[in-house]
């Protein structure tokens, strides 16, 4: 490491990423239970990207914070833009899991809130120290 700090092992990073994913899902459920309207919708959008970032780190524990956050943001935007087609809506009609993962209707403000989630995830990863 350039600054002399020791990077946590990949196994530890994966465990922390898995815990972060669970905490993020719990936060999303809490927001959904405790808020409604725009607050719940856009908090959910931001948390969606945070969850994707945790999953990226889970799969690639040595990924740099910017790479992990940018990948999560790109995936979030890809899913949102896919909603301009009828594929997510068709899949969501028959599957609760697909509806949760893919959504069904394009909503341009979500693109901004995904970026907010990516920025938040990047900040947490950045201050949490180097990995591998």
N, C-alpha and C. Protein backbone atom coordinates (compact mmCIF):
# COMPACT_ATOMS: atom_id res chain seq x y z
N UNK A 1 0.84 -1.17 0.00
CA UNK A 1 0.00 0.00 0.00
C UNK A 1 0.89 1.24 0.00
N UNK A 2 0.51 2.22 -0.74
CA UNK A 2 1.31 3.44 -0.85
C UNK A 2 1.42 4.19 0.47
N UNK A 3 0.38 4.23 1.25
CA UNK A 3 0.40 5.02 2.48
C UNK A 3 0.78 4.19 3.70
N UNK A 4 1.21 2.97 3.51
CA UNK A 4 1.68 2.15 4.61
C UNK A 4 0.59 1.40 5.35
N UNK A 5 -0.67 1.67 5.06
CA UNK A 5 -1.75 0.93 5.72
C UNK A 5 -1.87 -0.45 5.12
N UNK A 6 -2.30 -1.38 5.92
CA UNK A 6 -2.49 -2.74 5.44
C UNK A 6 -3.91 -2.90 4.95
N UNK A 7 -4.05 -3.44 3.76
CA UNK A 7 -5.38 -3.67 3.21
C UNK A 7 -6.00 -4.89 3.88
N UNK A 8 -7.30 -4.83 4.17
CA UNK A 8 -7.96 -6.02 4.72
C UNK A 8 -7.97 -7.13 3.69
N UNK A 9 -7.94 -8.37 4.15
CA UNK A 9 -7.98 -9.51 3.25
C UNK A 9 -9.25 -9.53 2.43
N UNK A 10 -9.18 -10.19 1.28
CA UNK A 10 -10.36 -10.27 0.41
C UNK A 10 -11.54 -10.93 1.10
N UNK A 11 -11.26 -11.95 1.93
CA UNK A 11 -12.35 -12.61 2.65
C UNK A 11 -13.07 -11.65 3.58
N UNK A 12 -12.29 -10.84 4.28
CA UNK A 12 -12.89 -9.86 5.19
C UNK A 12 -13.69 -8.82 4.42
N UNK A 13 -13.15 -8.37 3.29
CA UNK A 13 -13.87 -7.40 2.46
C UNK A 13 -15.18 -7.99 1.98
N UNK A 14 -15.17 -9.25 1.58
CA UNK A 14 -16.40 -9.90 1.11
C UNK A 14 -17.43 -9.99 2.23
N UNK A 15 -16.98 -10.33 3.43
CA UNK A 15 -17.91 -10.39 4.57
C UNK A 15 -18.51 -9.01 4.83
N UNK A 16 -17.66 -7.99 4.84
CA UNK A 16 -18.16 -6.63 5.06
C UNK A 16 -19.12 -6.20 3.95
N UNK A 17 -18.82 -6.57 2.72
CA UNK A 17 -19.71 -6.24 1.60
C UNK A 17 -21.05 -6.95 1.74
N UNK A 18 -21.02 -8.21 2.17
CA UNK A 18 -22.26 -8.95 2.38
C UNK A 18 -23.08 -8.31 3.49
N UNK A 19 -22.43 -7.92 4.57
CA UNK A 19 -23.12 -7.25 5.67
C UNK A 19 -23.70 -5.93 5.17
N UNK A 20 -22.92 -5.18 4.39
CA UNK A 20 -23.41 -3.92 3.83
C UNK A 20 -24.64 -4.14 2.94
N UNK A 21 -24.63 -5.22 2.18
CA UNK A 21 -25.79 -5.52 1.32
C UNK A 21 -27.03 -5.79 2.17
N UNK A 22 -26.87 -6.57 3.22
CA UNK A 22 -28.00 -6.88 4.10
C UNK A 22 -28.50 -5.60 4.78
N UNK A 23 -27.59 -4.79 5.27
CA UNK A 23 -27.97 -3.53 5.93
C UNK A 23 -28.68 -2.61 4.94
N UNK A 24 -28.21 -2.59 3.71
CA UNK A 24 -28.84 -1.75 2.68
C UNK A 24 -30.26 -2.21 2.38
N UNK A 25 -30.45 -3.51 2.27
CA UNK A 25 -31.81 -4.03 2.05
C UNK A 25 -32.70 -3.68 3.25
N UNK A 26 -32.17 -3.84 4.46
CA UNK A 26 -32.94 -3.49 5.66
C UNK A 26 -33.29 -2.00 5.67
N UNK A 27 -32.34 -1.17 5.27
CA UNK A 27 -32.61 0.27 5.21
C UNK A 27 -33.70 0.57 4.19
N UNK A 28 -33.64 -0.11 3.05
CA UNK A 28 -34.68 0.08 2.04
C UNK A 28 -36.05 -0.32 2.55
N UNK A 29 -36.12 -1.44 3.24
CA UNK A 29 -37.40 -1.89 3.80
C UNK A 29 -37.88 -0.92 4.88
N UNK A 30 -36.96 -0.40 5.68
CA UNK A 30 -37.33 0.56 6.73
C UNK A 30 -37.86 1.85 6.13
N UNK A 31 -37.20 2.33 5.08
CA UNK A 31 -37.68 3.54 4.41
C UNK A 31 -39.06 3.30 3.83
N UNK A 32 -39.24 2.16 3.23
CA UNK A 32 -40.54 1.85 2.62
C UNK A 32 -41.64 1.76 3.68
N UNK A 33 -41.30 1.22 4.85
CA UNK A 33 -42.28 1.09 5.94
C UNK A 33 -42.54 2.43 6.63
N UNK A 34 -41.53 3.29 6.68
CA UNK A 34 -41.66 4.51 7.46
C UNK A 34 -41.92 5.77 6.66
N UNK A 35 -41.85 5.69 5.36
CA UNK A 35 -42.06 6.88 4.52
C UNK A 35 -42.89 6.49 3.32
N UNK A 36 -43.37 7.49 2.64
CA UNK A 36 -44.12 7.21 1.42
C UNK A 36 -43.83 8.30 0.41
N UNK A 37 -44.43 8.19 -0.73
CA UNK A 37 -44.28 9.20 -1.76
C UNK A 37 -42.86 9.30 -2.29
N UNK A 38 -42.47 10.54 -2.61
CA UNK A 38 -41.18 10.79 -3.24
C UNK A 38 -40.01 10.38 -2.35
N UNK A 39 -40.13 10.59 -1.05
CA UNK A 39 -39.03 10.24 -0.13
C UNK A 39 -38.72 8.75 -0.24
N UNK A 40 -39.74 7.93 -0.14
CA UNK A 40 -39.53 6.48 -0.21
C UNK A 40 -39.03 6.07 -1.59
N UNK A 41 -39.62 6.65 -2.64
CA UNK A 41 -39.23 6.26 -3.99
C UNK A 41 -37.78 6.58 -4.28
N UNK A 42 -37.38 7.81 -4.00
CA UNK A 42 -36.03 8.21 -4.37
C UNK A 42 -34.97 7.70 -3.40
N UNK A 43 -35.33 7.52 -2.15
CA UNK A 43 -34.40 6.84 -1.22
C UNK A 43 -34.18 5.41 -1.70
N UNK A 44 -35.25 4.78 -2.15
CA UNK A 44 -35.14 3.42 -2.69
C UNK A 44 -34.25 3.38 -3.92
N UNK A 45 -34.35 4.38 -4.76
CA UNK A 45 -33.50 4.43 -5.96
C UNK A 45 -32.03 4.56 -5.57
N UNK A 46 -31.73 5.45 -4.65
CA UNK A 46 -30.35 5.62 -4.20
C UNK A 46 -29.83 4.34 -3.55
N UNK A 47 -30.67 3.73 -2.70
CA UNK A 47 -30.25 2.51 -2.01
C UNK A 47 -30.07 1.35 -2.99
N UNK A 48 -30.81 1.34 -4.08
CA UNK A 48 -30.65 0.31 -5.11
C UNK A 48 -29.21 0.32 -5.62
N UNK A 49 -28.70 1.52 -5.89
CA UNK A 49 -27.32 1.63 -6.38
C UNK A 49 -26.32 1.29 -5.28
N UNK A 50 -26.61 1.68 -4.05
CA UNK A 50 -25.73 1.31 -2.93
C UNK A 50 -25.66 -0.22 -2.83
N UNK A 51 -26.80 -0.88 -2.94
CA UNK A 51 -26.83 -2.34 -2.90
C UNK A 51 -26.00 -2.93 -4.04
N UNK A 52 -26.16 -2.41 -5.24
CA UNK A 52 -25.37 -2.90 -6.37
C UNK A 52 -23.88 -2.69 -6.11
N UNK A 53 -23.52 -1.59 -5.52
CA UNK A 53 -22.11 -1.33 -5.21
C UNK A 53 -21.59 -2.36 -4.21
N UNK A 54 -22.38 -2.66 -3.19
CA UNK A 54 -21.98 -3.69 -2.22
C UNK A 54 -21.81 -5.03 -2.92
N UNK A 55 -22.68 -5.35 -3.86
CA UNK A 55 -22.58 -6.61 -4.58
C UNK A 55 -21.37 -6.63 -5.51
N UNK A 56 -21.03 -5.48 -6.10
CA UNK A 56 -19.82 -5.40 -6.92
C UNK A 56 -18.60 -5.69 -6.05
N UNK A 57 -18.54 -5.08 -4.87
CA UNK A 57 -17.40 -5.31 -3.97
C UNK A 57 -17.39 -6.76 -3.49
N UNK A 58 -18.56 -7.33 -3.27
CA UNK A 58 -18.64 -8.73 -2.88
C UNK A 58 -18.01 -9.62 -3.95
N UNK A 59 -18.31 -9.32 -5.20
CA UNK A 59 -17.78 -10.12 -6.32
C UNK A 59 -16.34 -9.76 -6.68
N UNK A 60 -15.98 -8.52 -6.48
CA UNK A 60 -14.63 -8.04 -6.85
C UNK A 60 -14.06 -7.23 -5.69
N UNK A 61 -13.62 -7.91 -4.64
CA UNK A 61 -13.20 -7.21 -3.42
C UNK A 61 -11.99 -6.29 -3.59
N UNK A 62 -11.24 -6.45 -4.65
CA UNK A 62 -10.08 -5.58 -4.87
C UNK A 62 -10.41 -4.37 -5.74
N UNK A 63 -11.66 -4.26 -6.14
CA UNK A 63 -12.06 -3.12 -6.98
C UNK A 63 -11.84 -1.81 -6.23
N UNK A 64 -11.35 -0.84 -6.94
CA UNK A 64 -11.17 0.49 -6.35
C UNK A 64 -12.54 1.10 -6.08
N UNK A 65 -12.63 1.98 -5.09
CA UNK A 65 -13.93 2.60 -4.78
C UNK A 65 -14.62 3.24 -5.98
N UNK A 66 -13.87 3.98 -6.78
CA UNK A 66 -14.48 4.63 -7.94
C UNK A 66 -14.98 3.61 -8.95
N UNK A 67 -14.22 2.55 -9.15
CA UNK A 67 -14.63 1.51 -10.10
C UNK A 67 -15.89 0.81 -9.61
N UNK A 68 -15.94 0.47 -8.33
CA UNK A 68 -17.12 -0.20 -7.78
C UNK A 68 -18.36 0.69 -7.88
N UNK A 69 -18.21 1.96 -7.50
CA UNK A 69 -19.35 2.88 -7.54
C UNK A 69 -19.79 3.15 -8.99
N UNK A 70 -18.83 3.33 -9.89
CA UNK A 70 -19.17 3.59 -11.29
C UNK A 70 -19.84 2.37 -11.93
N UNK A 71 -19.39 1.19 -11.58
CA UNK A 71 -20.02 -0.03 -12.09
C UNK A 71 -21.46 -0.13 -11.60
N UNK A 72 -21.67 0.13 -10.32
CA UNK A 72 -23.03 0.09 -9.76
C UNK A 72 -23.91 1.13 -10.43
N UNK A 73 -23.37 2.32 -10.67
CA UNK A 73 -24.14 3.36 -11.33
C UNK A 73 -24.48 2.96 -12.77
N UNK A 74 -23.51 2.41 -13.47
CA UNK A 74 -23.76 1.97 -14.85
C UNK A 74 -24.83 0.88 -14.91
N UNK A 75 -24.77 -0.05 -13.98
CA UNK A 75 -25.79 -1.11 -13.93
C UNK A 75 -27.16 -0.52 -13.62
N UNK A 76 -27.22 0.41 -12.68
CA UNK A 76 -28.50 1.05 -12.33
C UNK A 76 -29.08 1.77 -13.53
N UNK A 77 -28.23 2.54 -14.21
CA UNK A 77 -28.71 3.26 -15.40
C UNK A 77 -29.12 2.30 -16.49
N UNK A 78 -28.40 1.21 -16.67
CA UNK A 78 -28.76 0.22 -17.69
C UNK A 78 -30.14 -0.36 -17.43
N UNK A 79 -30.41 -0.68 -16.17
CA UNK A 79 -31.73 -1.22 -15.82
C UNK A 79 -32.80 -0.16 -16.07
N UNK A 80 -32.52 1.08 -15.68
CA UNK A 80 -33.51 2.15 -15.90
C UNK A 80 -33.79 2.36 -17.38
N UNK A 81 -32.74 2.42 -18.18
CA UNK A 81 -32.95 2.62 -19.62
C UNK A 81 -33.61 1.40 -20.27
N UNK A 82 -33.39 0.22 -19.71
CA UNK A 82 -34.07 -0.97 -20.22
C UNK A 82 -35.58 -0.84 -20.05
N UNK A 83 -36.00 -0.04 -19.08
CA UNK A 83 -37.42 0.16 -18.84
C UNK A 83 -38.09 0.95 -19.96
N UNK A 84 -37.31 1.50 -20.86
CA UNK A 84 -37.88 2.15 -22.04
C UNK A 84 -38.40 1.12 -23.03
N UNK A 85 -38.01 -0.14 -22.83
CA UNK A 85 -38.55 -1.24 -23.63
C UNK A 85 -39.65 -1.91 -22.83
N UNK A 86 -40.32 -2.86 -23.41
CA UNK A 86 -41.38 -3.55 -22.68
C UNK A 86 -40.88 -4.79 -21.94
N UNK A 87 -39.61 -5.12 -22.06
CA UNK A 87 -39.08 -6.35 -21.46
C UNK A 87 -39.21 -6.35 -19.93
N UNK A 88 -38.71 -5.34 -19.22
CA UNK A 88 -38.85 -5.37 -17.76
C UNK A 88 -40.31 -5.43 -17.29
N UNK A 89 -41.18 -4.71 -17.96
CA UNK A 89 -42.59 -4.72 -17.58
C UNK A 89 -43.19 -6.11 -17.78
N UNK A 90 -42.84 -6.78 -18.88
CA UNK A 90 -43.35 -8.13 -19.12
C UNK A 90 -42.84 -9.10 -18.06
N UNK A 91 -41.54 -9.02 -17.77
CA UNK A 91 -40.97 -9.91 -16.75
C UNK A 91 -41.53 -9.60 -15.36
N UNK A 92 -41.72 -8.32 -15.07
CA UNK A 92 -42.23 -7.90 -13.76
C UNK A 92 -43.68 -8.31 -13.54
N UNK A 93 -44.41 -8.44 -14.61
CA UNK A 93 -45.82 -8.82 -14.49
C UNK A 93 -45.98 -10.21 -13.91
N UNK A 94 -45.00 -11.07 -14.14
CA UNK A 94 -45.10 -12.46 -13.70
C UNK A 94 -44.20 -12.81 -12.53
N UNK A 95 -43.38 -11.86 -12.08
CA UNK A 95 -42.40 -12.19 -11.06
C UNK A 95 -42.16 -11.01 -10.12
N UNK A 96 -42.38 -11.24 -8.85
CA UNK A 96 -42.09 -10.22 -7.85
C UNK A 96 -40.60 -9.92 -7.81
N UNK A 97 -39.78 -10.96 -7.94
CA UNK A 97 -38.33 -10.75 -7.93
C UNK A 97 -37.91 -9.87 -9.11
N UNK A 98 -38.45 -10.13 -10.28
CA UNK A 98 -38.13 -9.31 -11.45
C UNK A 98 -38.59 -7.88 -11.25
N UNK A 99 -39.76 -7.70 -10.64
CA UNK A 99 -40.27 -6.35 -10.39
C UNK A 99 -39.34 -5.60 -9.45
N UNK A 100 -38.82 -6.28 -8.41
CA UNK A 100 -37.90 -5.63 -7.47
C UNK A 100 -36.56 -5.30 -8.11
N UNK A 101 -36.07 -6.17 -8.96
CA UNK A 101 -34.75 -5.97 -9.57
C UNK A 101 -34.81 -5.07 -10.79
N UNK A 102 -35.81 -5.26 -11.64
CA UNK A 102 -35.87 -4.57 -12.92
C UNK A 102 -36.83 -3.39 -12.98
N UNK A 103 -37.77 -3.33 -12.04
CA UNK A 103 -38.79 -2.30 -12.15
C UNK A 103 -39.65 -2.54 -13.37
N UNK A 104 -40.39 -1.52 -13.76
CA UNK A 104 -41.23 -1.71 -14.93
C UNK A 104 -41.41 -0.44 -15.76
N UNK A 105 -41.23 0.72 -15.14
CA UNK A 105 -41.51 1.98 -15.82
C UNK A 105 -40.33 2.92 -15.71
N UNK A 106 -39.92 3.49 -16.83
CA UNK A 106 -38.82 4.45 -16.84
C UNK A 106 -39.22 5.71 -16.08
N UNK A 107 -38.31 6.22 -15.25
CA UNK A 107 -38.54 7.44 -14.50
C UNK A 107 -37.23 8.23 -14.49
N UNK A 108 -37.15 9.28 -15.29
CA UNK A 108 -35.90 10.02 -15.45
C UNK A 108 -35.27 10.49 -14.14
N UNK A 109 -36.04 10.98 -13.15
CA UNK A 109 -35.39 11.41 -11.90
C UNK A 109 -34.62 10.29 -11.19
N UNK A 110 -34.98 9.05 -11.45
CA UNK A 110 -34.23 7.94 -10.84
C UNK A 110 -32.76 7.99 -11.25
N UNK A 111 -32.47 8.45 -12.45
CA UNK A 111 -31.09 8.51 -12.92
C UNK A 111 -30.24 9.38 -11.98
N UNK A 112 -30.80 10.50 -11.55
CA UNK A 112 -30.10 11.37 -10.59
C UNK A 112 -29.92 10.68 -9.25
N UNK A 113 -30.96 10.03 -8.76
CA UNK A 113 -30.89 9.42 -7.43
C UNK A 113 -29.97 8.21 -7.42
N UNK A 114 -29.83 7.53 -8.55
CA UNK A 114 -28.83 6.47 -8.65
C UNK A 114 -27.43 7.08 -8.48
N UNK A 115 -27.21 8.24 -9.08
CA UNK A 115 -25.91 8.90 -8.95
C UNK A 115 -25.67 9.32 -7.49
N UNK A 116 -26.70 9.75 -6.80
CA UNK A 116 -26.57 10.09 -5.38
C UNK A 116 -26.16 8.84 -4.59
N UNK A 117 -26.80 7.72 -4.88
CA UNK A 117 -26.44 6.47 -4.20
C UNK A 117 -25.02 6.05 -4.50
N UNK A 118 -24.60 6.19 -5.76
CA UNK A 118 -23.23 5.83 -6.14
C UNK A 118 -22.23 6.74 -5.44
N UNK A 119 -22.54 8.01 -5.35
CA UNK A 119 -21.64 8.95 -4.67
C UNK A 119 -21.52 8.60 -3.19
N UNK A 120 -22.64 8.28 -2.57
CA UNK A 120 -22.60 7.88 -1.16
C UNK A 120 -21.82 6.60 -0.94
N UNK A 121 -22.03 5.63 -1.80
CA UNK A 121 -21.30 4.36 -1.69
C UNK A 121 -19.80 4.59 -1.92
N UNK A 122 -19.47 5.42 -2.91
CA UNK A 122 -18.06 5.75 -3.17
C UNK A 122 -17.43 6.38 -1.93
N UNK A 123 -18.14 7.33 -1.31
CA UNK A 123 -17.59 8.02 -0.14
C UNK A 123 -17.31 7.03 1.00
N UNK A 124 -18.26 6.12 1.23
CA UNK A 124 -18.06 5.12 2.29
C UNK A 124 -16.87 4.22 1.96
N UNK A 125 -16.79 3.76 0.73
CA UNK A 125 -15.67 2.92 0.33
C UNK A 125 -14.35 3.67 0.43
N UNK A 126 -14.35 4.91 0.07
CA UNK A 126 -13.13 5.73 0.06
C UNK A 126 -12.60 5.91 1.49
N UNK A 127 -13.49 6.20 2.43
CA UNK A 127 -13.02 6.42 3.81
C UNK A 127 -12.76 5.13 4.55
N UNK A 128 -13.26 4.03 4.01
CA UNK A 128 -13.07 2.75 4.70
C UNK A 128 -11.67 2.18 4.49
N UNK A 129 -10.90 2.81 3.64
CA UNK A 129 -9.50 2.40 3.47
C UNK A 129 -9.28 1.55 2.24
N UNK A 130 -8.02 1.31 1.94
CA UNK A 130 -7.68 0.55 0.73
C UNK A 130 -8.04 -0.93 0.87
N UNK A 131 -8.27 -1.54 -0.28
CA UNK A 131 -8.56 -2.97 -0.35
C UNK A 131 -7.61 -3.58 -1.36
N UNK A 132 -6.90 -4.58 -0.94
CA UNK A 132 -6.06 -5.36 -1.84
C UNK A 132 -5.31 -4.55 -2.76
